[in-house]
Amino acid sequence: MTRVESSSTADSAPSTSIPEEVPAAPVEVVIVTGLSGAGRGTAARVLEDLGWYVADNLPPELIARLVELGASADPPISKLALVMDVRSRFFTGDLSAVTEQLRGAGVRTRVLFLEASDDVLIRRFGFARRRHPLQSESADGTLSEGIAAERRRLASVKTAADVVIDTTALSVHQLHRRLEEVYGGGAPTALQLTVQSFGFKYGVPLDADMVLDVRFLPNPHWVPELREQTGQDAEVSEYVLGQRGARDYLSTCRHLIDLTTDGYRQEGKRYMTVAVGCTGGKHRSVAIAEALGGLLGDDVDSGSVDVVRVVHRDLGRE
């Protein structure tokens, strides 16, 4: 999904008017707001992973236009998340008026409010070494006063919110799971799994979550009739998989990957790359990656994995 950011100038005239005619398409809007440091950025990333189109700090007068564009896009954008913070022009107007006009136009609209305790917010700002957006507006310029000012400004927004999540005691992964429960549409959390062959002499893939080394298998390079072929050819595949321990290794790797993906789903991770390496990335790693991808394809049918892709990084590089 795409995440876009929009900024507005302070000298522009605030407006919360929304055209009365918004396309009667099945569009769903979630307005993500709350206290600075309570997790809006995390919520935006989770919603992106769940298939929402996310826009940061969009001026209110452009909301209906974005809904229109989304409804007429190909494919249409049916789920739109708007992330708003205290610095946005959105808070110069009436939030309830905006949501009511959207709902009146047939757009399902919900407000998500994120909050946390003062001590946790202070600790998070300390770790990030950032100033609070309202800190300079407080009487004594302290972080505590900035947080208090923001709480006062957002009190009515919190009251009108459809969902309020207190992130005080939540880890990033726990917040991820909570948001999936609310906005995931009831779909099970699944993974996009990539099996990538490579050659160790060209370096280990930097984005690999798991690295498998199949250099323990005899190398077809030293078999004259197989040297010019690759692991995608049947003769090479049969040679590699016919070696002692090859199929046991495949079965063990598949079991290990199943255990790992179960943990990844619980932690909210939605992508996994398994790198399979041999010396040059031409024979053994390619054959094992193809066979492993075939075994893992069963997980697509069970729904625990969305997509299994098999790619060969160094095939042909020699």
Foldseek 3Di string as FASTA:
>chain_A
DDEEEDDDDPPDDADQDEDLAADLALAEEEEEEEFPQQQLVLLQVLVVVLPEHEYELDRNHCPSVVSNCQCPDVVHHRHYYYYYYPPHSCLVDDPVVNCVSCVSNNYHYFYEYGAEDPVQSVVSCVVVVDAGPCLVVFPVSDNSRSRVVRCVSCVVVVVPGPHYDYCHPPDSLRVSVVSCVVPNVPAQQAAAEEEEEFAPVVPDDPPAPAEAEPQVFDDCCPVVVCNVAFLVDPVLLCRRCVDPPNVVVLVVVLVVVVVVLVVCSSSNHHYHYYYYYHHGQGGNRLSSLVVSLVVCVVVCVVSRHVHYHYYGDRHPVD
